[in-house]
């Protein structure tokens, strides 16, 4: 493909598709170039290296999250809608959760959402420093809630590539985990009242429960006059 048919935007979009399919470990310039129908050297005309590509891809997916209307609604509805939107985006792109721990991620897409979060909690009544802490706590809840599903996607991909019988490996690991859990009273009680195969999963709607509880805490702190 001639050089002028490639653009940085096309490359980033193809990288997002590749990351969704193969994860961080599956992203390399050669595979990306094949997906684009180009030569790997042509990609480097537009993107410096893999780290820069991950940064650009990560910033681009933030544009998928719609910013709620803060001027016409209350702060809590805006905070809940924003956190839910970010949670859905990270669930669609589990590689981004892992990238937070291995890459320097920044850009206008992410900054726009950081700015919005500060605006939400300043509107709620928090002083600037506590608005920053509230925004960080909300993001930590979202990231923590998506870490498990992201890890599961990565694990399933790795096991499927191993060629050693992924289903059997998973079943053996689950059996061992269940046997270990039965040594502890609260885990044993849970296993006795739920299917053993559900042991490794979080309870249904745990993200919604955590978000509601966090926002309840923010409201209680504001009502008590604490900032």
Foldseek 3Di string as FASTA:
>chain_A
DDLVVDALVVLLVLQQVQCLVQNPVRDDLCVSQVSVVHHSVSNCVHAVGDLRSLQVNLLVLLVVQDQDDPVVDALLVRLVSRLVSVLVSCLSRVNSLVCVVPHDHDDDSVVVSLVSQLVSVVRVPDDSVVSNVLSVVSVVLSSVVSNVVSVVVVLLSVLVVVPPDSVVVVVVVLVVVLVVQCVDVVLVVVCVVDPSVCSPPDDPPPSVVVSVVSVVVSNVCVVVVHD
